[in-house]
């Protein structure tokens, strides 16, 4: 796995945990299965960096909008 993908996945996990711990009412908006499942060669477990970035950004936006 690319280092960039690993860093994005770590940030996604942190954001998801933040939502679970601090904003449980937002959990219904989490949609990990769509964005974090490998695309392409399933046997190699390749991840689409753009999809991961989009999902990470959607989590950040969700928290930001909720706090405003």
N, C-alpha and C. Protein backbone atom coordinates (compact mmCIF):
# COMPACT_ATOMS: atom_id res chain seq x y z
N UNK A 1 0.85 -1.18 0.00
CA UNK A 1 0.00 0.00 0.00
C UNK A 1 0.89 1.23 0.00
N UNK A 2 0.50 2.22 -0.77
CA UNK A 2 1.26 3.46 -0.83
C UNK A 2 1.22 4.16 0.52
N UNK A 3 2.29 4.89 0.81
CA UNK A 3 2.36 5.65 2.06
C UNK A 3 1.23 6.67 2.13
N UNK A 4 0.94 7.34 1.03
CA UNK A 4 -0.13 8.34 1.02
C UNK A 4 -1.46 7.70 1.40
N UNK A 5 -1.76 6.54 0.83
CA UNK A 5 -3.00 5.85 1.17
C UNK A 5 -3.03 5.47 2.63
N UNK A 6 -1.91 5.03 3.15
CA UNK A 6 -1.82 4.65 4.55
C UNK A 6 -2.10 5.83 5.46
N UNK A 7 -1.56 6.98 5.11
CA UNK A 7 -1.79 8.20 5.90
C UNK A 7 -3.26 8.63 5.83
N UNK A 8 -3.84 8.53 4.66
CA UNK A 8 -5.25 8.90 4.50
C UNK A 8 -6.14 7.95 5.31
N UNK A 9 -5.84 6.66 5.24
CA UNK A 9 -6.62 5.69 6.01
C UNK A 9 -6.50 5.93 7.51
N UNK A 10 -5.32 6.32 7.96
CA UNK A 10 -5.13 6.64 9.38
C UNK A 10 -5.98 7.84 9.76
N UNK A 11 -6.00 8.86 8.91
CA UNK A 11 -6.80 10.05 9.17
C UNK A 11 -8.29 9.73 9.15
N UNK A 12 -8.71 8.86 8.22
CA UNK A 12 -10.11 8.44 8.17
C UNK A 12 -10.49 7.73 9.46
N UNK A 13 -9.62 6.86 9.93
CA UNK A 13 -9.88 6.14 11.19
C UNK A 13 -10.00 7.11 12.36
N UNK A 14 -9.13 8.12 12.39
CA UNK A 14 -9.16 9.12 13.46
C UNK A 14 -10.45 9.93 13.40
N UNK A 15 -10.82 10.37 12.22
CA UNK A 15 -12.05 11.15 12.06
C UNK A 15 -13.29 10.32 12.42
N UNK A 16 -13.29 9.07 11.99
CA UNK A 16 -14.40 8.17 12.31
C UNK A 16 -14.51 7.98 13.82
N UNK A 17 -13.39 7.79 14.47
CA UNK A 17 -13.38 7.62 15.92
C UNK A 17 -13.87 8.89 16.62
N UNK A 18 -13.46 10.05 16.11
CA UNK A 18 -13.92 11.32 16.66
C UNK A 18 -15.43 11.43 16.56
N UNK A 19 -15.98 11.04 15.43
CA UNK A 19 -17.43 11.07 15.25
C UNK A 19 -18.10 10.11 16.23
N UNK A 20 -17.57 8.90 16.33
CA UNK A 20 -18.16 7.91 17.23
C UNK A 20 -18.12 8.38 18.69
N UNK A 21 -17.01 9.00 19.10
CA UNK A 21 -16.84 9.41 20.49
C UNK A 21 -17.55 10.71 20.83
N UNK A 22 -17.53 11.68 19.91
CA UNK A 22 -18.01 13.02 20.21
C UNK A 22 -19.32 13.41 19.54
N UNK A 23 -19.65 12.73 18.45
CA UNK A 23 -20.86 13.07 17.70
C UNK A 23 -21.62 11.80 17.30
N UNK A 24 -22.05 11.01 18.25
CA UNK A 24 -22.69 9.72 17.91
C UNK A 24 -23.92 9.88 17.02
N UNK A 25 -24.56 11.03 17.08
CA UNK A 25 -25.73 11.26 16.25
C UNK A 25 -25.38 11.36 14.76
N UNK A 26 -24.10 11.54 14.45
CA UNK A 26 -23.66 11.63 13.06
C UNK A 26 -23.26 10.27 12.47
N UNK A 27 -23.22 9.24 13.28
CA UNK A 27 -22.77 7.93 12.81
C UNK A 27 -23.61 7.42 11.64
N UNK A 28 -24.86 7.81 11.58
CA UNK A 28 -25.72 7.35 10.48
C UNK A 28 -25.24 7.85 9.13
N UNK A 29 -24.37 8.87 9.12
CA UNK A 29 -23.86 9.41 7.86
C UNK A 29 -22.57 8.76 7.40
N UNK A 30 -22.02 7.90 8.20
CA UNK A 30 -20.77 7.23 7.83
C UNK A 30 -21.07 6.20 6.74
N UNK A 31 -20.28 6.25 5.70
CA UNK A 31 -20.49 5.35 4.56
C UNK A 31 -19.16 4.76 4.13
N UNK A 32 -18.49 4.07 5.03
CA UNK A 32 -17.16 3.54 4.73
C UNK A 32 -17.16 2.51 3.61
N UNK A 33 -18.14 1.67 3.56
CA UNK A 33 -18.10 0.56 2.62
C UNK A 33 -17.93 1.02 1.18
N UNK A 34 -18.54 2.11 0.80
CA UNK A 34 -18.46 2.59 -0.58
C UNK A 34 -17.06 3.09 -0.92
N UNK A 35 -16.44 3.83 -0.03
CA UNK A 35 -15.20 4.51 -0.38
C UNK A 35 -13.94 3.77 -0.01
N UNK A 36 -14.01 2.90 0.95
CA UNK A 36 -12.77 2.28 1.41
C UNK A 36 -12.58 0.85 0.94
N UNK A 37 -13.54 0.32 0.21
CA UNK A 37 -13.33 -1.01 -0.35
C UNK A 37 -12.34 -0.91 -1.51
N UNK A 38 -11.44 -1.87 -1.64
CA UNK A 38 -10.48 -1.84 -2.74
C UNK A 38 -11.18 -1.85 -4.09
N UNK A 39 -10.63 -1.09 -5.03
CA UNK A 39 -11.12 -1.09 -6.40
C UNK A 39 -10.00 -1.64 -7.27
N UNK A 40 -10.33 -2.04 -8.46
CA UNK A 40 -9.32 -2.57 -9.36
C UNK A 40 -9.06 -4.03 -9.04
N UNK A 41 -7.81 -4.41 -8.94
CA UNK A 41 -7.43 -5.79 -8.68
C UNK A 41 -7.69 -6.12 -7.22
N UNK A 42 -8.77 -6.83 -6.97
CA UNK A 42 -9.17 -7.13 -5.60
C UNK A 42 -8.14 -7.98 -4.87
N UNK A 43 -7.46 -8.87 -5.59
CA UNK A 43 -6.46 -9.74 -4.96
C UNK A 43 -5.25 -8.96 -4.45
N UNK A 44 -4.94 -7.84 -5.09
CA UNK A 44 -3.81 -7.02 -4.67
C UNK A 44 -4.21 -6.00 -3.62
N UNK A 45 -5.50 -5.83 -3.40
CA UNK A 45 -5.97 -4.88 -2.39
C UNK A 45 -5.65 -3.44 -2.72
N UNK A 46 -5.67 -3.11 -4.00
CA UNK A 46 -5.38 -1.75 -4.42
C UNK A 46 -6.48 -0.81 -3.96
N UNK A 47 -6.09 0.37 -3.52
CA UNK A 47 -7.06 1.37 -3.07
C UNK A 47 -6.98 2.59 -3.99
N UNK A 48 -8.10 3.17 -4.24
CA UNK A 48 -8.19 4.37 -5.07
C UNK A 48 -7.94 5.59 -4.19
N UNK A 49 -6.80 6.22 -4.38
CA UNK A 49 -6.41 7.37 -3.56
C UNK A 49 -7.42 8.50 -3.63
N UNK A 50 -7.93 8.77 -4.81
CA UNK A 50 -8.90 9.86 -4.96
C UNK A 50 -10.17 9.58 -4.16
N UNK A 51 -10.65 8.35 -4.19
CA UNK A 51 -11.84 7.98 -3.43
C UNK A 51 -11.58 8.12 -1.93
N UNK A 52 -10.40 7.71 -1.48
CA UNK A 52 -10.05 7.84 -0.06
C UNK A 52 -10.02 9.31 0.35
N UNK A 53 -9.41 10.14 -0.49
CA UNK A 53 -9.35 11.57 -0.20
C UNK A 53 -10.75 12.18 -0.14
N UNK A 54 -11.60 11.79 -1.07
CA UNK A 54 -12.98 12.29 -1.08
C UNK A 54 -13.71 11.90 0.19
N UNK A 55 -13.54 10.67 0.61
CA UNK A 55 -14.21 10.21 1.83
C UNK A 55 -13.67 10.95 3.06
N UNK A 56 -12.34 11.11 3.13
CA UNK A 56 -11.74 11.85 4.24
C UNK A 56 -12.30 13.27 4.29
N UNK A 57 -12.38 13.91 3.13
CA UNK A 57 -12.89 15.28 3.08
C UNK A 57 -14.36 15.35 3.47
N UNK A 58 -15.12 14.32 3.10
CA UNK A 58 -16.54 14.31 3.48
C UNK A 58 -16.71 14.19 4.99
N UNK A 59 -15.82 13.43 5.63
CA UNK A 59 -15.87 13.32 7.10
C UNK A 59 -15.52 14.67 7.75
N UNK A 60 -14.50 15.32 7.22
CA UNK A 60 -14.12 16.64 7.75
C UNK A 60 -15.27 17.64 7.59
N UNK A 61 -15.90 17.61 6.43
CA UNK A 61 -17.02 18.52 6.18
C UNK A 61 -18.20 18.22 7.09
N UNK A 62 -18.47 16.96 7.33
CA UNK A 62 -19.55 16.56 8.21
C UNK A 62 -19.35 17.13 9.61
N UNK A 63 -18.15 17.00 10.14
CA UNK A 63 -17.84 17.53 11.47
C UNK A 63 -17.90 19.05 11.47
N UNK A 64 -17.34 19.66 10.44
CA UNK A 64 -17.33 21.12 10.34
C UNK A 64 -18.75 21.69 10.29
N UNK A 65 -19.59 21.13 9.45
CA UNK A 65 -20.97 21.61 9.32
C UNK A 65 -21.74 21.41 10.61
N UNK A 66 -21.49 20.32 11.30
CA UNK A 66 -22.20 20.04 12.54
C UNK A 66 -21.80 21.05 13.63
N UNK A 67 -20.56 21.46 13.62
CA UNK A 67 -20.07 22.41 14.63
C UNK A 67 -20.48 23.85 14.37
N UNK A 68 -20.95 24.15 13.19
CA UNK A 68 -21.35 25.53 12.86
C UNK A 68 -22.81 25.76 13.10
